[in-house]
Amino acid sequence: MTTTLIVPGLNSSGSAHWQTWFESRLPDAIRVIQADWKRASLPDWSSRVRREISRNPGPILIAAHSFGALAAVQAAEDLSHRIAGALLVAPADPDKFGVNDVLPGRPLAFPATIVASRNDPWLPFDAAAALAARWGADLVDLGWAGHINAEAGYGPWPFGLSLLAQLAGDESQRAGSRTPVALMSAQRHGEHGHSAARAQ
């Protein structure tokens, strides 16, 4: 049985956030709980992610947001044989938190998708593209979508759930065949909603 780890960012994800909606839709979902949601400590946060990976048997899917995406990547690299895929939504800028040098510097050993926004205050789009290239991840361009959180209109998010499902079913990448970074437009994948990103 596959377990989906929900890895929120700073201050966790409230009831209107897409990660909470994911939890309501996925019976196998477990939220990683941090000791201090207001203090972005990569060692502490990644340790909590690593603990949840270790204590849950079977393949692990990751759905992470913001600083949680950085913690998830660092933790998952140590246990890559357990990871079925990672959906990394609006990662925080590693340079802003002084953690760039301790994050993986090579393609990840599991399939990953980075979902990025053109006006994310926490990470410029070109920096998101650079992370995708560095980690061998697919890159999904969500347009002008802010930080891709509840404040930006991302509560129920079927497109995000479909991206997670694609990672779960990506047997070729899971077997170790890495593909070049793919830049995909959300509009081409039927993304619709209420945020300014999709009302441009």
N, C-alpha and C. Protein backbone atom coordinates (compact mmCIF):
# COMPACT_ATOMS: atom_id res chain seq x y z
N MET A 1 0.84 -1.19 0.00
CA MET A 1 0.00 0.00 0.00
C MET A 1 0.89 1.25 0.00
N THR A 2 0.54 2.20 -0.85
CA THR A 2 1.28 3.45 -0.93
C THR A 2 0.76 4.44 0.10
N THR A 3 1.68 5.08 0.80
CA THR A 3 1.33 6.15 1.75
C THR A 3 1.67 7.49 1.13
N THR A 4 0.76 8.45 1.23
CA THR A 4 1.03 9.80 0.76
C THR A 4 1.37 10.69 1.95
N LEU A 5 2.57 11.23 1.95
CA LEU A 5 2.97 12.16 3.00
C LEU A 5 2.66 13.58 2.56
N ILE A 6 1.86 14.27 3.35
CA ILE A 6 1.56 15.68 3.14
C ILE A 6 2.57 16.47 3.96
N VAL A 7 3.38 17.28 3.28
CA VAL A 7 4.44 18.03 3.96
C VAL A 7 4.18 19.52 3.77
N PRO A 8 3.53 20.17 4.74
CA PRO A 8 3.24 21.60 4.62
C PRO A 8 4.48 22.47 4.81
N GLY A 9 4.30 23.76 4.51
CA GLY A 9 5.35 24.74 4.74
C GLY A 9 5.15 25.46 6.06
N LEU A 10 5.77 26.62 6.19
CA LEU A 10 5.67 27.40 7.42
C LEU A 10 4.21 27.64 7.81
N ASN A 11 3.94 27.54 9.10
CA ASN A 11 2.60 27.75 9.68
C ASN A 11 1.61 26.65 9.31
N SER A 12 2.11 25.58 8.70
CA SER A 12 1.28 24.45 8.28
C SER A 12 0.25 24.90 7.24
N SER A 13 -0.70 24.04 6.93
CA SER A 13 -1.72 24.34 5.92
C SER A 13 -3.09 24.27 6.57
N GLY A 14 -3.84 25.36 6.46
CA GLY A 14 -5.14 25.44 7.10
C GLY A 14 -6.23 24.66 6.39
N SER A 15 -7.43 24.80 6.89
CA SER A 15 -8.55 24.00 6.38
C SER A 15 -8.90 24.30 4.93
N ALA A 16 -8.54 25.50 4.45
CA ALA A 16 -8.88 25.88 3.06
C ALA A 16 -7.76 25.57 2.08
N HIS A 17 -6.66 25.02 2.53
CA HIS A 17 -5.48 24.78 1.69
C HIS A 17 -5.63 23.49 0.88
N TRP A 18 -5.03 23.45 -0.30
CA TRP A 18 -5.11 22.26 -1.15
C TRP A 18 -4.53 21.02 -0.46
N GLN A 19 -3.54 21.20 0.40
CA GLN A 19 -2.98 20.02 1.07
C GLN A 19 -4.01 19.37 2.00
N THR A 20 -4.80 20.19 2.67
CA THR A 20 -5.86 19.66 3.53
C THR A 20 -6.92 18.98 2.68
N TRP A 21 -7.21 19.55 1.51
CA TRP A 21 -8.15 18.91 0.58
C TRP A 21 -7.61 17.57 0.11
N PHE A 22 -6.32 17.51 -0.20
CA PHE A 22 -5.69 16.23 -0.57
C PHE A 22 -5.94 15.19 0.53
N GLU A 23 -5.73 15.59 1.77
CA GLU A 23 -5.91 14.66 2.89
C GLU A 23 -7.34 14.11 2.92
N SER A 24 -8.31 14.95 2.61
CA SER A 24 -9.71 14.51 2.62
C SER A 24 -10.03 13.56 1.48
N ARG A 25 -9.21 13.61 0.43
CA ARG A 25 -9.45 12.79 -0.76
C ARG A 25 -8.64 11.51 -0.79
N LEU A 26 -7.58 11.45 0.01
CA LEU A 26 -6.67 10.31 -0.03
C LEU A 26 -6.70 9.57 1.30
N PRO A 27 -7.27 8.38 1.33
CA PRO A 27 -7.38 7.66 2.61
C PRO A 27 -6.03 7.24 3.18
N ASP A 28 -5.00 7.23 2.34
CA ASP A 28 -3.68 6.81 2.79
C ASP A 28 -2.80 7.99 3.20
N ALA A 29 -3.36 9.20 3.27
CA ALA A 29 -2.55 10.39 3.50
C ALA A 29 -2.22 10.58 4.98
N ILE A 30 -0.97 11.01 5.22
CA ILE A 30 -0.51 11.32 6.57
C ILE A 30 0.19 12.68 6.52
N ARG A 31 -0.20 13.56 7.42
CA ARG A 31 0.45 14.88 7.48
C ARG A 31 1.68 14.81 8.38
N VAL A 32 2.78 15.33 7.87
CA VAL A 32 3.98 15.43 8.69
C VAL A 32 3.81 16.63 9.62
N ILE A 33 3.94 16.39 10.91
CA ILE A 33 3.76 17.43 11.92
C ILE A 33 5.12 17.90 12.42
N GLN A 34 5.35 19.20 12.32
CA GLN A 34 6.61 19.77 12.78
C GLN A 34 6.49 20.23 14.24
N ALA A 35 7.61 20.20 14.95
CA ALA A 35 7.60 20.64 16.35
C ALA A 35 7.36 22.13 16.46
N ASP A 36 7.86 22.88 15.48
CA ASP A 36 7.70 24.34 15.49
C ASP A 36 7.40 24.79 14.07
N TRP A 37 6.12 25.11 13.82
CA TRP A 37 5.69 25.48 12.48
C TRP A 37 6.18 26.87 12.07
N LYS A 38 6.64 27.66 13.00
CA LYS A 38 7.04 29.03 12.69
C LYS A 38 8.54 29.18 12.48
N ARG A 39 9.32 28.16 12.81
CA ARG A 39 10.77 28.22 12.67
C ARG A 39 11.22 27.26 11.58
N ALA A 40 11.77 27.81 10.52
CA ALA A 40 12.18 27.00 9.37
C ALA A 40 13.58 26.43 9.60
N SER A 41 13.63 25.28 10.22
CA SER A 41 14.90 24.59 10.48
C SER A 41 14.96 23.36 9.59
N LEU A 42 15.81 23.38 8.58
CA LEU A 42 15.85 22.25 7.65
C LEU A 42 16.23 20.95 8.35
N PRO A 43 17.23 20.91 9.23
CA PRO A 43 17.55 19.65 9.91
C PRO A 43 16.35 19.10 10.70
N ASP A 44 15.67 19.97 11.44
CA ASP A 44 14.53 19.51 12.24
C ASP A 44 13.38 19.05 11.36
N TRP A 45 13.08 19.84 10.34
CA TRP A 45 11.94 19.51 9.49
C TRP A 45 12.20 18.24 8.68
N SER A 46 13.39 18.12 8.11
CA SER A 46 13.67 16.93 7.31
C SER A 46 13.72 15.68 8.18
N SER A 47 14.13 15.84 9.44
CA SER A 47 14.13 14.71 10.37
C SER A 47 12.72 14.18 10.60
N ARG A 48 11.76 15.09 10.70
CA ARG A 48 10.36 14.68 10.87
C ARG A 48 9.83 13.96 9.62
N VAL A 49 10.22 14.44 8.45
CA VAL A 49 9.80 13.77 7.21
C VAL A 49 10.44 12.39 7.14
N ARG A 50 11.72 12.33 7.46
CA ARG A 50 12.44 11.05 7.43
C ARG A 50 11.81 10.03 8.38
N ARG A 51 11.40 10.50 9.53
CA ARG A 51 10.76 9.61 10.51
C ARG A 51 9.47 9.02 9.96
N GLU A 52 8.66 9.85 9.30
CA GLU A 52 7.40 9.33 8.75
C GLU A 52 7.64 8.36 7.60
N ILE A 53 8.66 8.63 6.79
CA ILE A 53 8.99 7.68 5.72
C ILE A 53 9.37 6.34 6.32
N SER A 54 10.19 6.36 7.37
CA SER A 54 10.70 5.13 7.97
C SER A 54 9.61 4.34 8.69
N ARG A 55 8.65 5.02 9.29
CA ARG A 55 7.67 4.31 10.11
C ARG A 55 6.47 3.79 9.30
N ASN A 56 6.36 4.18 8.03
CA ASN A 56 5.26 3.71 7.19
C ASN A 56 5.79 2.77 6.12
N PRO A 57 5.35 1.51 6.11
CA PRO A 57 5.85 0.54 5.14
C PRO A 57 5.33 0.81 3.73
N GLY A 58 6.00 0.24 2.75
CA GLY A 58 5.56 0.35 1.37
C GLY A 58 6.03 1.63 0.71
N PRO A 59 5.64 1.83 -0.55
CA PRO A 59 6.05 3.03 -1.30
C PRO A 59 5.48 4.31 -0.67
N ILE A 60 6.24 5.39 -0.82
CA ILE A 60 5.85 6.68 -0.28
C ILE A 60 5.72 7.70 -1.41
N LEU A 61 4.55 8.36 -1.46
CA LEU A 61 4.36 9.51 -2.34
C LEU A 61 4.43 10.76 -1.47
N ILE A 62 5.03 11.81 -1.99
CA ILE A 62 5.17 13.05 -1.23
C ILE A 62 4.41 14.18 -1.94
N ALA A 63 3.62 14.92 -1.16
CA ALA A 63 2.96 16.13 -1.67
C ALA A 63 3.38 17.27 -0.75
N ALA A 64 4.36 18.05 -1.18
CA ALA A 64 4.97 19.05 -0.31
C ALA A 64 4.77 20.46 -0.84
N HIS A 65 4.77 21.42 0.07
CA HIS A 65 4.56 22.82 -0.28
C HIS A 65 5.60 23.70 0.40
N SER A 66 6.12 24.69 -0.34
CA SER A 66 6.96 25.75 0.19
C SER A 66 8.20 25.20 0.90
N PHE A 67 8.47 25.62 2.14
CA PHE A 67 9.66 25.12 2.85
C PHE A 67 9.56 23.62 3.08
N GLY A 68 8.35 23.10 3.15
CA GLY A 68 8.16 21.66 3.29
C GLY A 68 8.73 20.90 2.12
N ALA A 69 8.74 21.52 0.93
CA ALA A 69 9.30 20.86 -0.24
C ALA A 69 10.81 20.68 -0.09
N LEU A 70 11.48 21.67 0.50
CA LEU A 70 12.93 21.56 0.71
C LEU A 70 13.23 20.47 1.74
N ALA A 71 12.46 20.44 2.81
CA ALA A 71 12.66 19.42 3.83
C ALA A 71 12.38 18.03 3.27
N ALA A 72 11.36 17.92 2.44
CA ALA A 72 11.00 16.63 1.86
C ALA A 72 12.09 16.11 0.94
N VAL A 73 12.65 16.99 0.12
CA VAL A 73 13.70 16.57 -0.81
C VAL A 73 14.93 16.09 -0.06
N GLN A 74 15.33 16.83 0.98
CA GLN A 74 16.50 16.41 1.72
C GLN A 74 16.27 15.06 2.41
N ALA A 75 15.10 14.89 3.02
CA ALA A 75 14.80 13.63 3.70
C ALA A 75 14.68 12.48 2.72
N ALA A 76 14.02 12.72 1.59
CA ALA A 76 13.78 11.65 0.63
C ALA A 76 15.06 11.18 -0.04
N GLU A 77 16.04 12.06 -0.18
CA GLU A 77 17.29 11.64 -0.81
C GLU A 77 17.96 10.52 -0.01
N ASP A 78 17.82 10.57 1.30
CA ASP A 78 18.43 9.54 2.16
C ASP A 78 17.70 8.21 2.07
N LEU A 79 16.43 8.24 1.66
CA LEU A 79 15.61 7.02 1.61
C LEU A 79 14.96 6.89 0.24
N SER A 80 15.74 7.18 -0.79
CA SER A 80 15.19 7.28 -2.14
C SER A 80 14.57 5.98 -2.63
N HIS A 81 15.04 4.84 -2.13
CA HIS A 81 14.49 3.55 -2.57
C HIS A 81 13.05 3.36 -2.10
N ARG A 82 12.60 4.19 -1.17
CA ARG A 82 11.23 4.10 -0.65
C ARG A 82 10.28 5.05 -1.36
N ILE A 83 10.81 5.98 -2.15
CA ILE A 83 9.99 7.06 -2.68
C ILE A 83 9.45 6.73 -4.06
N ALA A 84 8.12 6.74 -4.20
CA ALA A 84 7.47 6.50 -5.49
C ALA A 84 7.44 7.77 -6.33
N GLY A 85 7.43 8.92 -5.69
CA GLY A 85 7.39 10.18 -6.42
C GLY A 85 7.19 11.34 -5.46
N ALA A 86 7.53 12.54 -5.92
CA ALA A 86 7.39 13.73 -5.08
C ALA A 86 6.80 14.88 -5.89
N LEU A 87 5.70 15.43 -5.40
CA LEU A 87 5.08 16.62 -5.97
C LEU A 87 5.52 17.79 -5.10
N LEU A 88 6.32 18.68 -5.68
CA LEU A 88 6.93 19.78 -4.95
C LEU A 88 6.29 21.09 -5.44
N VAL A 89 5.38 21.62 -4.67
CA VAL A 89 4.58 22.76 -5.10
C VAL A 89 5.11 24.06 -4.47
N ALA A 90 5.44 25.02 -5.32
CA ALA A 90 5.93 26.33 -4.88
C ALA A 90 7.03 26.20 -3.83
N PRO A 91 8.12 25.51 -4.17
CA PRO A 91 9.20 25.38 -3.18
C PRO A 91 9.69 26.76 -2.73
N ALA A 92 10.11 26.83 -1.48
CA ALA A 92 10.72 28.07 -0.99
C ALA A 92 12.10 28.21 -1.61
N ASP A 93 12.59 29.42 -1.67
CA ASP A 93 13.91 29.68 -2.24
C ASP A 93 14.99 29.21 -1.27
N PRO A 94 15.79 28.20 -1.65
CA PRO A 94 16.83 27.71 -0.73
C PRO A 94 17.80 28.80 -0.29
N ASP A 95 18.08 29.76 -1.17
CA ASP A 95 19.02 30.83 -0.83
C ASP A 95 18.48 31.73 0.27
N LYS A 96 17.17 31.93 0.30
CA LYS A 96 16.57 32.78 1.33
C LYS A 96 16.75 32.19 2.73
N PHE A 97 16.85 30.87 2.78
CA PHE A 97 16.98 30.20 4.07
C PHE A 97 18.40 29.68 4.32
N GLY A 98 19.31 29.98 3.40
CA GLY A 98 20.70 29.57 3.57
C GLY A 98 20.93 28.07 3.55
N VAL A 99 20.12 27.34 2.77
CA VAL A 99 20.23 25.88 2.77
C VAL A 99 20.58 25.30 1.40
N ASN A 100 20.88 26.16 0.44
CA ASN A 100 21.12 25.68 -0.91
C ASN A 100 22.23 24.63 -0.98
N ASP A 101 23.29 24.85 -0.21
CA ASP A 101 24.45 23.96 -0.28
C ASP A 101 24.20 22.58 0.33
N VAL A 102 23.18 22.45 1.17
CA VAL A 102 22.94 21.16 1.82
C VAL A 102 21.80 20.38 1.15
N LEU A 103 21.22 20.95 0.12
CA LEU A 103 20.19 20.23 -0.64
C LEU A 103 20.85 19.43 -1.76
N PRO A 104 20.17 18.39 -2.27
CA PRO A 104 20.76 17.59 -3.34
C PRO A 104 21.23 18.43 -4.51
N GLY A 105 22.40 18.10 -5.03
CA GLY A 105 22.97 18.85 -6.15
C GLY A 105 22.91 18.09 -7.45
N ARG A 106 22.24 16.96 -7.46
CA ARG A 106 22.17 16.11 -8.64
C ARG A 106 20.73 15.62 -8.83
N PRO A 107 20.42 15.01 -9.98
CA PRO A 107 19.06 14.51 -10.20
C PRO A 107 18.63 13.54 -9.10
N LEU A 108 17.39 13.68 -8.68
CA LEU A 108 16.84 12.81 -7.66
C LEU A 108 16.69 11.39 -8.21
N ALA A 109 16.73 10.43 -7.33
CA ALA A 109 16.64 9.02 -7.73
C ALA A 109 15.20 8.53 -7.80
N PHE A 110 14.25 9.45 -7.83
CA PHE A 110 12.83 9.11 -7.92
C PHE A 110 12.15 10.19 -8.76
N PRO A 111 11.00 9.88 -9.36
CA PRO A 111 10.32 10.89 -10.18
C PRO A 111 9.81 12.04 -9.33
N ALA A 112 9.96 13.25 -9.86
CA ALA A 112 9.52 14.45 -9.13
C ALA A 112 8.94 15.46 -10.11
N THR A 113 8.00 16.23 -9.62
CA THR A 113 7.41 17.32 -10.39
C THR A 113 7.41 18.58 -9.53
N ILE A 114 7.96 19.65 -10.07
CA ILE A 114 7.91 20.95 -9.42
C ILE A 114 6.81 21.77 -10.08
N VAL A 115 5.90 22.30 -9.26
CA VAL A 115 4.84 23.17 -9.76
C VAL A 115 5.19 24.59 -9.32
N ALA A 116 5.35 25.49 -10.28
CA ALA A 116 5.84 26.83 -9.98
C ALA A 116 4.91 27.90 -10.54
N SER A 117 5.04 29.09 -9.96
CA SER A 117 4.21 30.23 -10.32
C SER A 117 5.10 31.36 -10.85
N ARG A 118 4.54 32.15 -11.73
CA ARG A 118 5.28 33.28 -12.31
C ARG A 118 5.42 34.46 -11.35
N ASN A 119 4.60 34.50 -10.31
CA ASN A 119 4.69 35.62 -9.36
C ASN A 119 4.71 35.13 -7.91
N ASP A 120 5.40 34.03 -7.70
CA ASP A 120 5.55 33.49 -6.35
C ASP A 120 6.53 34.36 -5.56
N PRO A 121 6.11 34.97 -4.45
CA PRO A 121 7.02 35.82 -3.69
C PRO A 121 8.13 35.06 -3.00
N TRP A 122 8.00 33.74 -2.93
CA TRP A 122 8.99 32.92 -2.23
C TRP A 122 10.01 32.29 -3.15
N LEU A 123 9.78 32.34 -4.46
CA LEU A 123 10.74 31.75 -5.40
C LEU A 123 10.48 32.26 -6.81
N PRO A 124 11.43 33.00 -7.41
CA PRO A 124 11.27 33.43 -8.80
C PRO A 124 11.13 32.22 -9.72
N PHE A 125 10.40 32.40 -10.81
CA PHE A 125 10.15 31.28 -11.71
C PHE A 125 11.44 30.71 -12.31
N ASP A 126 12.40 31.58 -12.65
CA ASP A 126 13.64 31.06 -13.22
C ASP A 126 14.42 30.23 -12.20
N ALA A 127 14.28 30.57 -10.92
CA ALA A 127 14.93 29.77 -9.88
C ALA A 127 14.25 28.42 -9.73
N ALA A 128 12.92 28.40 -9.89
CA ALA A 128 12.20 27.13 -9.86
C ALA A 128 12.63 26.25 -11.02
N ALA A 129 12.80 26.86 -12.21
CA ALA A 129 13.27 26.10 -13.37
C ALA A 129 14.67 25.54 -13.14
N ALA A 130 15.51 26.33 -12.47
CA ALA A 130 16.86 25.86 -12.18
C ALA A 130 16.83 24.68 -11.21
N LEU A 131 15.94 24.73 -10.23
CA LEU A 131 15.80 23.60 -9.30
C LEU A 131 15.32 22.35 -10.04
N ALA A 132 14.36 22.52 -10.94
CA ALA A 132 13.86 21.38 -11.71
C ALA A 132 14.98 20.75 -12.53
N ALA A 133 15.80 21.58 -13.17
CA ALA A 133 16.91 21.06 -13.95
C ALA A 133 17.92 20.34 -13.06
N ARG A 134 18.20 20.94 -11.93
CA ARG A 134 19.17 20.37 -10.98
C ARG A 134 18.71 19.01 -10.45
N TRP A 135 17.41 18.89 -10.18
CA TRP A 135 16.88 17.66 -9.58
C TRP A 135 16.30 16.69 -10.61
N GLY A 136 16.37 17.03 -11.89
CA GLY A 136 15.82 16.15 -12.92
C GLY A 136 14.32 16.01 -12.82
N ALA A 137 13.66 17.08 -12.39
CA ALA A 137 12.21 17.04 -12.19
C ALA A 137 11.48 17.67 -13.36
N ASP A 138 10.24 17.24 -13.58
CA ASP A 138 9.36 17.94 -14.51
C ASP A 138 8.98 19.27 -13.89
N LEU A 139 8.75 20.25 -14.74
CA LEU A 139 8.36 21.58 -14.27
C LEU A 139 7.01 21.95 -14.86
N VAL A 140 6.06 22.26 -13.98
CA VAL A 140 4.73 22.68 -14.41
C VAL A 140 4.60 24.18 -14.15
N ASP A 141 4.34 24.94 -15.20
CA ASP A 141 4.16 26.39 -15.13
C ASP A 141 2.69 26.68 -14.87
N LEU A 142 2.37 27.16 -13.66
CA LEU A 142 0.98 27.40 -13.31
C LEU A 142 0.54 28.83 -13.62
N GLY A 143 1.44 29.60 -14.23
CA GLY A 143 1.08 30.97 -14.56
C GLY A 143 1.20 31.89 -13.35
N TRP A 144 0.35 32.91 -13.30
CA TRP A 144 0.41 33.88 -12.20
C TRP A 144 -0.47 33.37 -11.07
N ALA A 145 0.12 32.55 -10.22
CA ALA A 145 -0.64 31.81 -9.21
C ALA A 145 -0.17 32.09 -7.79
N GLY A 146 0.57 33.19 -7.61
CA GLY A 146 1.03 33.52 -6.27
C GLY A 146 1.86 32.39 -5.67
N HIS A 147 1.63 32.12 -4.40
CA HIS A 147 2.38 31.07 -3.71
C HIS A 147 1.66 29.72 -3.76
N ILE A 148 0.66 29.63 -4.62
CA ILE A 148 -0.10 28.37 -4.82
C ILE A 148 -0.58 27.84 -3.48
N ASN A 149 -1.27 28.70 -2.75
CA ASN A 149 -1.81 28.33 -1.45
C ASN A 149 -3.26 28.77 -1.36
N ALA A 150 -3.84 28.66 -0.19
CA ALA A 150 -5.25 29.01 -0.03
C ALA A 150 -5.51 30.47 -0.36
N GLU A 151 -4.58 31.34 0.04
CA GLU A 151 -4.75 32.78 -0.23
C GLU A 151 -4.78 33.07 -1.73
N ALA A 152 -4.13 32.23 -2.52
CA ALA A 152 -4.10 32.41 -3.97
C ALA A 152 -5.25 31.67 -4.66
N GLY A 153 -6.14 31.06 -3.87
CA GLY A 153 -7.30 30.38 -4.44
C GLY A 153 -7.13 28.89 -4.64
N TYR A 154 -6.10 28.31 -4.04
CA TYR A 154 -5.86 26.88 -4.23
C TYR A 154 -6.32 26.09 -3.00
N GLY A 155 -7.63 25.80 -3.02
CA GLY A 155 -8.23 24.92 -2.03
C GLY A 155 -8.41 23.57 -2.71
N PRO A 156 -9.64 23.18 -3.07
CA PRO A 156 -9.80 21.99 -3.90
C PRO A 156 -9.01 22.16 -5.20
N TRP A 157 -8.16 21.19 -5.51
CA TRP A 157 -7.23 21.33 -6.62
C TRP A 157 -7.10 20.01 -7.38
N PRO A 158 -8.09 19.69 -8.21
CA PRO A 158 -8.07 18.42 -8.94
C PRO A 158 -6.84 18.26 -9.83
N PHE A 159 -6.36 19.36 -10.44
CA PHE A 159 -5.18 19.25 -11.29
C PHE A 159 -3.96 18.80 -10.50
N GLY A 160 -3.80 19.34 -9.30
CA GLY A 160 -2.69 18.92 -8.46
C GLY A 160 -2.79 17.45 -8.09
N LEU A 161 -4.01 17.01 -7.81
CA LEU A 161 -4.21 15.60 -7.47
C LEU A 161 -3.88 14.71 -8.66
N SER A 162 -4.20 15.18 -9.88
CA SER A 162 -3.87 14.40 -11.07
C SER A 162 -2.35 14.33 -11.29
N LEU A 163 -1.64 15.41 -10.95
CA LEU A 163 -0.17 15.37 -11.04
C LEU A 163 0.40 14.34 -10.08
N LEU A 164 -0.17 14.26 -8.89
CA LEU A 164 0.28 13.27 -7.91
C LEU A 164 0.01 11.86 -8.42
N ALA A 165 -1.15 11.67 -9.02
CA ALA A 165 -1.50 10.36 -9.57
C ALA A 165 -0.56 9.97 -10.70
N GLN A 166 -0.17 10.94 -11.52
CA GLN A 166 0.78 10.65 -12.60
C GLN A 166 2.11 10.17 -12.04
N LEU A 167 2.56 10.78 -10.96
CA LEU A 167 3.81 10.35 -10.34
C LEU A 167 3.68 8.94 -9.81
N ALA A 168 2.55 8.62 -9.23
CA ALA A 168 2.33 7.28 -8.67
C ALA A 168 2.37 6.21 -9.75
N GLY A 169 1.92 6.59 -10.96
CA GLY A 169 1.85 5.60 -12.03
C GLY A 169 2.99 5.65 -13.00
N ASP A 170 4.03 6.45 -12.71
CA ASP A 170 5.13 6.62 -13.66
C ASP A 170 6.16 5.50 -13.48
N GLU A 171 5.85 4.34 -14.04
CA GLU A 171 6.72 3.18 -13.87
C GLU A 171 8.09 3.37 -14.52
N SER A 172 8.14 4.05 -15.66
CA SER A 172 9.43 4.17 -16.36
C SER A 172 10.42 4.99 -15.54
N GLN A 173 9.96 6.08 -14.94
CA GLN A 173 10.86 6.87 -14.11
C GLN A 173 11.18 6.15 -12.81
N ARG A 174 10.20 5.44 -12.26
CA ARG A 174 10.43 4.72 -11.03
C ARG A 174 11.51 3.66 -11.22
N ALA A 175 11.60 3.13 -12.43
CA ALA A 175 12.61 2.12 -12.72
C ALA A 175 13.99 2.73 -12.93
N GLY A 176 14.07 4.06 -12.90
CA GLY A 176 15.37 4.71 -12.98
C GLY A 176 15.67 5.36 -14.31
N SER A 177 14.71 5.39 -15.22
CA SER A 177 14.94 6.03 -16.51
C SER A 177 14.50 7.48 -16.41
N ARG A 178 15.47 8.36 -16.25
CA ARG A 178 15.17 9.78 -16.08
C ARG A 178 14.95 10.46 -17.43
N THR A 179 13.97 11.34 -17.48
CA THR A 179 13.67 12.06 -18.70
C THR A 179 14.06 13.52 -18.53
N PRO A 180 14.29 14.24 -19.64
CA PRO A 180 14.64 15.66 -19.52
C PRO A 180 13.51 16.46 -18.86
N VAL A 181 13.88 17.58 -18.30
CA VAL A 181 12.88 18.45 -17.67
C VAL A 181 11.83 18.84 -18.71
N ALA A 182 10.58 18.69 -18.35
CA ALA A 182 9.47 19.04 -19.25
C ALA A 182 8.76 20.26 -18.68
N LEU A 183 8.67 21.31 -19.46
CA LEU A 183 7.94 22.50 -19.05
C LEU A 183 6.52 22.39 -19.57
N MET A 184 5.58 22.27 -18.66
CA MET A 184 4.20 22.07 -19.04
C MET A 184 3.36 23.25 -18.59
N SER A 185 2.41 23.63 -19.41
CA SER A 185 1.48 24.70 -19.05
C SER A 185 0.25 24.09 -18.41
N ALA A 186 -0.18 24.66 -17.30
CA ALA A 186 -1.37 24.15 -16.62
C ALA A 186 -2.58 24.23 -17.52
N GLN A 187 -2.65 25.25 -18.35
CA GLN A 187 -3.81 25.41 -19.21
C GLN A 187 -3.95 24.23 -20.18
N ARG A 188 -2.80 23.66 -20.60
CA ARG A 188 -2.85 22.53 -21.51
C ARG A 188 -3.38 21.28 -20.82
N HIS A 189 -3.38 21.29 -19.49
CA HIS A 189 -3.81 20.13 -18.75
C HIS A 189 -5.17 20.34 -18.10
N GLY A 190 -5.91 21.32 -18.58
CA GLY A 190 -7.27 21.51 -18.10
C GLY A 190 -7.37 22.13 -16.73
N GLU A 191 -6.39 22.94 -16.33
CA GLU A 191 -6.43 23.58 -15.02
C GLU A 191 -7.41 24.75 -15.05
N HIS A 192 -8.34 24.73 -14.12
CA HIS A 192 -9.32 25.81 -14.00
C HIS A 192 -9.51 26.12 -12.53
N GLY A 193 -9.87 27.35 -12.21
CA GLY A 193 -10.09 27.70 -10.82
C GLY A 193 -10.41 29.15 -10.66
N HIS A 194 -10.17 29.65 -9.43
CA HIS A 194 -10.62 31.01 -9.13
C HIS A 194 -9.48 31.98 -8.89
N SER A 195 -8.25 31.54 -8.95
CA SER A 195 -7.15 32.44 -8.65
C SER A 195 -6.84 33.33 -9.85
N ALA A 196 -6.09 34.39 -9.58
CA ALA A 196 -5.71 35.32 -10.64
C ALA A 196 -4.88 34.64 -11.71
N ALA A 197 -4.22 33.57 -11.33
CA ALA A 197 -3.37 32.85 -12.30
C ALA A 197 -4.17 32.37 -13.48
N ARG A 198 -5.40 31.98 -13.20
CA ARG A 198 -6.18 31.37 -14.28
C ARG A 198 -7.24 32.32 -14.80
N ALA A 199 -7.18 33.56 -14.35
CA ALA A 199 -8.15 34.54 -14.82
C ALA A 199 -7.48 35.64 -15.59
N GLN A 200 -6.21 35.38 -15.98
CA GLN A 200 -5.47 36.39 -16.71
C GLN A 200 -6.08 36.60 -18.06
